[in-house]
Amino acid sequence: MNNEIEEFLAVQDQNLDNGVSKRNKWELLKSHIKTLCMQYGRYKKMLNSESGDREKELDNIAKQLANHPEDVTVQKHYEECKKRLEIEQLVKARGAAVRSRAKWIE
């Protein structure tokens, strides 16, 4: 996102030389940042919905496993899905630790 803003500023610096006022440049920059933030919000919403889908999938597989505990393919699928969800949760936890400026992670 920072690169996109820097590129936008470089283009606007050229426009400033062409007679665009600083006020208009500021308004364009605010509009561009707003657009980028909305795009990022849509992206995060999609990721969160995928995470919820994975949790639902894990619940469904757990129910299948409860009904058919001897089925090896269901067991493997359950383990794979559980690993993916755990990795995703670790990534989120590390991100939260970085944002909170934690000096250690267990």
N, C-alpha and C. Protein backbone atom coordinates (compact mmCIF):
# COMPACT_ATOMS: atom_id res chain seq x y z
N MET A 1 0.82 -1.17 0.00
CA MET A 1 0.00 0.00 0.00
C MET A 1 0.87 1.25 0.00
N ASN A 2 1.97 1.23 0.76
CA ASN A 2 2.85 2.39 0.80
C ASN A 2 3.44 2.69 -0.56
N ASN A 3 3.80 1.64 -1.31
CA ASN A 3 4.36 1.85 -2.64
C ASN A 3 3.36 2.52 -3.56
N GLU A 4 2.10 2.11 -3.45
CA GLU A 4 1.06 2.70 -4.29
C GLU A 4 0.88 4.18 -3.97
N ILE A 5 0.94 4.53 -2.69
CA ILE A 5 0.80 5.93 -2.29
C ILE A 5 2.00 6.73 -2.78
N GLU A 6 3.20 6.16 -2.66
CA GLU A 6 4.39 6.87 -3.13
C GLU A 6 4.34 7.09 -4.64
N GLU A 7 3.88 6.08 -5.38
CA GLU A 7 3.74 6.24 -6.83
C GLU A 7 2.72 7.32 -7.15
N PHE A 8 1.62 7.33 -6.42
CA PHE A 8 0.58 8.33 -6.63
C PHE A 8 1.14 9.73 -6.36
N LEU A 9 1.93 9.87 -5.29
CA LEU A 9 2.53 11.17 -4.97
C LEU A 9 3.49 11.62 -6.06
N ALA A 10 4.25 10.69 -6.62
CA ALA A 10 5.19 11.04 -7.69
C ALA A 10 4.43 11.58 -8.90
N VAL A 11 3.32 10.94 -9.24
CA VAL A 11 2.51 11.42 -10.37
C VAL A 11 1.93 12.78 -10.05
N GLN A 12 1.47 12.96 -8.82
CA GLN A 12 0.87 14.24 -8.45
C GLN A 12 1.90 15.36 -8.40
N ASP A 13 3.15 15.04 -8.08
CA ASP A 13 4.20 16.06 -8.13
C ASP A 13 4.37 16.58 -9.54
N GLN A 14 4.26 15.69 -10.51
CA GLN A 14 4.33 16.12 -11.91
C GLN A 14 3.13 16.99 -12.25
N ASN A 15 1.96 16.62 -11.74
CA ASN A 15 0.76 17.42 -11.99
C ASN A 15 0.86 18.79 -11.34
N LEU A 16 1.52 18.86 -10.18
CA LEU A 16 1.68 20.14 -9.50
C LEU A 16 2.50 21.08 -10.36
N ASP A 17 3.47 20.53 -11.06
CA ASP A 17 4.27 21.34 -11.97
C ASP A 17 3.43 21.82 -13.14
N ASN A 18 2.36 21.08 -13.45
CA ASN A 18 1.50 21.44 -14.57
C ASN A 18 0.36 22.37 -14.16
N GLY A 19 0.39 22.90 -12.97
CA GLY A 19 -0.60 23.88 -12.56
C GLY A 19 -1.67 23.38 -11.60
N VAL A 20 -1.59 22.15 -11.12
CA VAL A 20 -2.56 21.65 -10.15
C VAL A 20 -2.19 22.21 -8.78
N SER A 21 -3.18 22.77 -8.08
CA SER A 21 -2.89 23.40 -6.79
C SER A 21 -2.60 22.36 -5.72
N LYS A 22 -1.96 22.82 -4.66
CA LYS A 22 -1.64 21.91 -3.55
C LYS A 22 -2.92 21.41 -2.88
N ARG A 23 -3.93 22.24 -2.82
CA ARG A 23 -5.20 21.83 -2.21
C ARG A 23 -5.83 20.70 -3.02
N ASN A 24 -5.84 20.84 -4.34
CA ASN A 24 -6.39 19.77 -5.18
C ASN A 24 -5.56 18.50 -5.07
N LYS A 25 -4.23 18.67 -4.95
CA LYS A 25 -3.36 17.51 -4.79
C LYS A 25 -3.71 16.77 -3.49
N TRP A 26 -3.95 17.53 -2.42
CA TRP A 26 -4.30 16.94 -1.14
C TRP A 26 -5.64 16.19 -1.24
N GLU A 27 -6.62 16.79 -1.88
CA GLU A 27 -7.93 16.15 -2.04
C GLU A 27 -7.81 14.87 -2.85
N LEU A 28 -7.01 14.89 -3.91
CA LEU A 28 -6.80 13.69 -4.71
C LEU A 28 -6.12 12.59 -3.89
N LEU A 29 -5.14 12.99 -3.08
CA LEU A 29 -4.44 12.02 -2.24
C LEU A 29 -5.39 11.38 -1.23
N LYS A 30 -6.23 12.19 -0.59
CA LYS A 30 -7.20 11.65 0.37
C LYS A 30 -8.15 10.66 -0.31
N SER A 31 -8.59 11.03 -1.50
CA SER A 31 -9.50 10.16 -2.24
C SER A 31 -8.81 8.84 -2.61
N HIS A 32 -7.56 8.92 -3.02
CA HIS A 32 -6.81 7.72 -3.40
C HIS A 32 -6.60 6.81 -2.19
N ILE A 33 -6.25 7.39 -1.06
CA ILE A 33 -6.04 6.60 0.16
C ILE A 33 -7.35 5.94 0.59
N LYS A 34 -8.45 6.67 0.47
CA LYS A 34 -9.76 6.11 0.82
C LYS A 34 -10.06 4.90 -0.05
N THR A 35 -9.78 5.01 -1.35
CA THR A 35 -10.01 3.90 -2.27
C THR A 35 -9.16 2.69 -1.89
N LEU A 36 -7.89 2.93 -1.58
CA LEU A 36 -7.00 1.83 -1.18
C LEU A 36 -7.49 1.16 0.10
N CYS A 37 -7.96 1.95 1.05
CA CYS A 37 -8.45 1.39 2.31
C CYS A 37 -9.70 0.54 2.10
N MET A 38 -10.58 0.98 1.22
CA MET A 38 -11.78 0.19 0.94
C MET A 38 -11.41 -1.13 0.27
N GLN A 39 -10.44 -1.10 -0.65
CA GLN A 39 -10.00 -2.33 -1.30
C GLN A 39 -9.40 -3.29 -0.27
N TYR A 40 -8.60 -2.75 0.64
CA TYR A 40 -7.99 -3.59 1.67
C TYR A 40 -9.06 -4.17 2.59
N GLY A 41 -10.08 -3.38 2.92
CA GLY A 41 -11.17 -3.87 3.76
C GLY A 41 -11.91 -5.03 3.11
N ARG A 42 -12.15 -4.93 1.81
CA ARG A 42 -12.80 -6.03 1.09
C ARG A 42 -11.93 -7.29 1.12
N TYR A 43 -10.63 -7.09 0.95
CA TYR A 43 -9.69 -8.21 0.97
C TYR A 43 -9.70 -8.89 2.34
N LYS A 44 -9.65 -8.11 3.41
CA LYS A 44 -9.65 -8.68 4.76
C LYS A 44 -10.97 -9.39 5.06
N LYS A 45 -12.07 -8.83 4.57
CA LYS A 45 -13.37 -9.48 4.77
C LYS A 45 -13.38 -10.85 4.11
N MET A 46 -12.81 -10.93 2.91
CA MET A 46 -12.74 -12.20 2.19
C MET A 46 -11.90 -13.20 2.98
N LEU A 47 -10.75 -12.75 3.51
CA LEU A 47 -9.89 -13.65 4.29
C LEU A 47 -10.60 -14.15 5.54
N ASN A 48 -11.31 -13.25 6.21
CA ASN A 48 -12.02 -13.65 7.43
C ASN A 48 -13.14 -14.64 7.13
N SER A 49 -13.82 -14.45 6.01
CA SER A 49 -14.89 -15.39 5.67
C SER A 49 -14.30 -16.76 5.32
N GLU A 50 -13.13 -16.77 4.68
CA GLU A 50 -12.47 -18.04 4.39
C GLU A 50 -12.07 -18.75 5.68
N SER A 51 -11.63 -17.98 6.66
CA SER A 51 -11.26 -18.56 7.95
C SER A 51 -12.48 -19.17 8.62
N GLY A 52 -13.60 -18.49 8.56
CA GLY A 52 -14.84 -19.03 9.12
C GLY A 52 -15.27 -20.29 8.40
N ASP A 53 -15.07 -20.30 7.08
CA ASP A 53 -15.41 -21.49 6.30
C ASP A 53 -14.55 -22.68 6.72
N ARG A 54 -13.28 -22.42 7.00
CA ARG A 54 -12.39 -23.51 7.43
C ARG A 54 -12.83 -24.07 8.78
N GLU A 55 -13.26 -23.17 9.67
CA GLU A 55 -13.73 -23.63 10.98
C GLU A 55 -14.99 -24.49 10.83
N LYS A 56 -15.90 -24.07 9.97
CA LYS A 56 -17.11 -24.85 9.72
C LYS A 56 -16.76 -26.21 9.11
N GLU A 57 -15.80 -26.19 8.18
CA GLU A 57 -15.37 -27.44 7.56
C GLU A 57 -14.79 -28.39 8.61
N LEU A 58 -13.99 -27.84 9.52
CA LEU A 58 -13.40 -28.67 10.57
C LEU A 58 -14.50 -29.26 11.46
N ASP A 59 -15.52 -28.47 11.78
CA ASP A 59 -16.64 -28.99 12.58
C ASP A 59 -17.36 -30.12 11.86
N ASN A 60 -17.59 -29.93 10.56
CA ASN A 60 -18.27 -30.98 9.79
C ASN A 60 -17.45 -32.27 9.74
N ILE A 61 -16.15 -32.11 9.56
CA ILE A 61 -15.28 -33.29 9.51
C ILE A 61 -15.24 -33.97 10.87
N ALA A 62 -15.26 -33.17 11.95
CA ALA A 62 -15.27 -33.76 13.30
C ALA A 62 -16.54 -34.58 13.51
N LYS A 63 -17.66 -34.09 12.99
CA LYS A 63 -18.91 -34.85 13.10
C LYS A 63 -18.82 -36.16 12.31
N GLN A 64 -18.23 -36.08 11.11
CA GLN A 64 -18.05 -37.29 10.30
C GLN A 64 -17.14 -38.28 11.03
N LEU A 65 -16.10 -37.74 11.65
CA LEU A 65 -15.16 -38.60 12.36
C LEU A 65 -15.83 -39.26 13.56
N ALA A 66 -16.73 -38.54 14.22
CA ALA A 66 -17.46 -39.12 15.35
C ALA A 66 -18.36 -40.26 14.89
N ASN A 67 -18.94 -40.10 13.70
CA ASN A 67 -19.82 -41.15 13.18
C ASN A 67 -19.05 -42.34 12.62
N HIS A 68 -17.86 -42.07 12.06
CA HIS A 68 -17.05 -43.13 11.43
C HIS A 68 -15.60 -43.02 11.91
N PRO A 69 -15.33 -43.39 13.17
CA PRO A 69 -13.97 -43.22 13.71
C PRO A 69 -12.92 -44.09 13.04
N GLU A 70 -13.31 -45.14 12.36
CA GLU A 70 -12.33 -46.04 11.74
C GLU A 70 -11.94 -45.61 10.33
N ASP A 71 -12.61 -44.61 9.77
CA ASP A 71 -12.35 -44.17 8.39
C ASP A 71 -11.04 -43.37 8.34
N VAL A 72 -10.03 -43.93 7.68
CA VAL A 72 -8.69 -43.34 7.64
C VAL A 72 -8.69 -42.04 6.83
N THR A 73 -9.43 -42.00 5.73
CA THR A 73 -9.43 -40.80 4.90
C THR A 73 -10.03 -39.61 5.64
N VAL A 74 -11.07 -39.85 6.43
CA VAL A 74 -11.68 -38.77 7.22
C VAL A 74 -10.69 -38.30 8.28
N GLN A 75 -9.97 -39.25 8.89
CA GLN A 75 -8.97 -38.88 9.90
C GLN A 75 -7.88 -38.01 9.30
N LYS A 76 -7.39 -38.38 8.11
CA LYS A 76 -6.34 -37.60 7.45
C LYS A 76 -6.84 -36.21 7.09
N HIS A 77 -8.05 -36.15 6.56
CA HIS A 77 -8.63 -34.87 6.17
C HIS A 77 -8.81 -33.97 7.40
N TYR A 78 -9.22 -34.57 8.52
CA TYR A 78 -9.39 -33.82 9.76
C TYR A 78 -8.06 -33.25 10.23
N GLU A 79 -7.01 -34.06 10.20
CA GLU A 79 -5.69 -33.60 10.64
C GLU A 79 -5.17 -32.48 9.75
N GLU A 80 -5.35 -32.62 8.43
CA GLU A 80 -4.89 -31.58 7.51
C GLU A 80 -5.62 -30.27 7.75
N CYS A 81 -6.92 -30.35 7.90
CA CYS A 81 -7.72 -29.15 8.11
C CYS A 81 -7.36 -28.49 9.45
N LYS A 82 -7.14 -29.32 10.45
CA LYS A 82 -6.77 -28.81 11.77
C LYS A 82 -5.41 -28.10 11.72
N LYS A 83 -4.45 -28.67 10.99
CA LYS A 83 -3.13 -28.04 10.85
C LYS A 83 -3.23 -26.69 10.16
N ARG A 84 -4.02 -26.63 9.07
CA ARG A 84 -4.18 -25.36 8.35
C ARG A 84 -4.77 -24.29 9.26
N LEU A 85 -5.77 -24.66 10.05
CA LEU A 85 -6.41 -23.71 10.94
C LEU A 85 -5.46 -23.27 12.05
N GLU A 86 -4.65 -24.18 12.58
CA GLU A 86 -3.69 -23.83 13.62
C GLU A 86 -2.63 -22.88 13.08
N ILE A 87 -2.15 -23.12 11.87
CA ILE A 87 -1.16 -22.24 11.25
C ILE A 87 -1.74 -20.85 11.07
N GLU A 88 -2.97 -20.80 10.60
CA GLU A 88 -3.63 -19.51 10.40
C GLU A 88 -3.77 -18.75 11.72
N GLN A 89 -4.11 -19.46 12.78
CA GLN A 89 -4.25 -18.83 14.09
C GLN A 89 -2.90 -18.35 14.62
N LEU A 90 -1.83 -19.09 14.35
CA LEU A 90 -0.50 -18.66 14.76
C LEU A 90 -0.10 -17.37 14.05
N VAL A 91 -0.39 -17.30 12.76
CA VAL A 91 -0.07 -16.10 11.99
C VAL A 91 -0.82 -14.90 12.56
N LYS A 92 -2.09 -15.08 12.89
CA LYS A 92 -2.88 -13.99 13.47
C LYS A 92 -2.33 -13.58 14.83
N ALA A 93 -1.91 -14.56 15.63
CA ALA A 93 -1.37 -14.27 16.96
C ALA A 93 -0.06 -13.50 16.86
N ARG A 94 0.78 -13.88 15.92
CA ARG A 94 2.04 -13.16 15.73
C ARG A 94 1.78 -11.73 15.27
N GLY A 95 0.82 -11.56 14.40
CA GLY A 95 0.46 -10.21 13.95
C GLY A 95 -0.04 -9.36 15.09
N ALA A 96 -0.84 -9.94 15.97
CA ALA A 96 -1.34 -9.21 17.13
C ALA A 96 -0.19 -8.84 18.06
N ALA A 97 0.77 -9.74 18.22
CA ALA A 97 1.92 -9.46 19.08
C ALA A 97 2.75 -8.33 18.51
N VAL A 98 2.92 -8.30 17.21
CA VAL A 98 3.69 -7.23 16.58
C VAL A 98 2.97 -5.90 16.76
N ARG A 99 1.66 -5.91 16.57
CA ARG A 99 0.90 -4.67 16.70
C ARG A 99 0.91 -4.15 18.13
N SER A 100 0.98 -5.06 19.10
CA SER A 100 0.99 -4.62 20.49
C SER A 100 2.41 -4.31 20.97
N ARG A 101 3.36 -4.43 20.06
CA ARG A 101 4.78 -4.16 20.34
C ARG A 101 5.33 -5.07 21.43
N ALA A 102 4.88 -6.30 21.43
CA ALA A 102 5.37 -7.26 22.40
C ALA A 102 6.82 -7.58 22.09
N LYS A 103 7.61 -7.77 23.13
CA LYS A 103 9.02 -8.06 22.95
C LYS A 103 9.30 -9.55 22.92
N TRP A 104 8.28 -10.38 23.18
CA TRP A 104 8.47 -11.82 23.18
C TRP A 104 7.22 -12.49 22.68
N ILE A 105 7.41 -13.68 22.15
CA ILE A 105 6.30 -14.51 21.70
C ILE A 105 6.56 -15.91 22.19
N GLU A 106 5.58 -16.51 22.84
CA GLU A 106 5.76 -17.87 23.34
C GLU A 106 5.54 -18.86 22.25
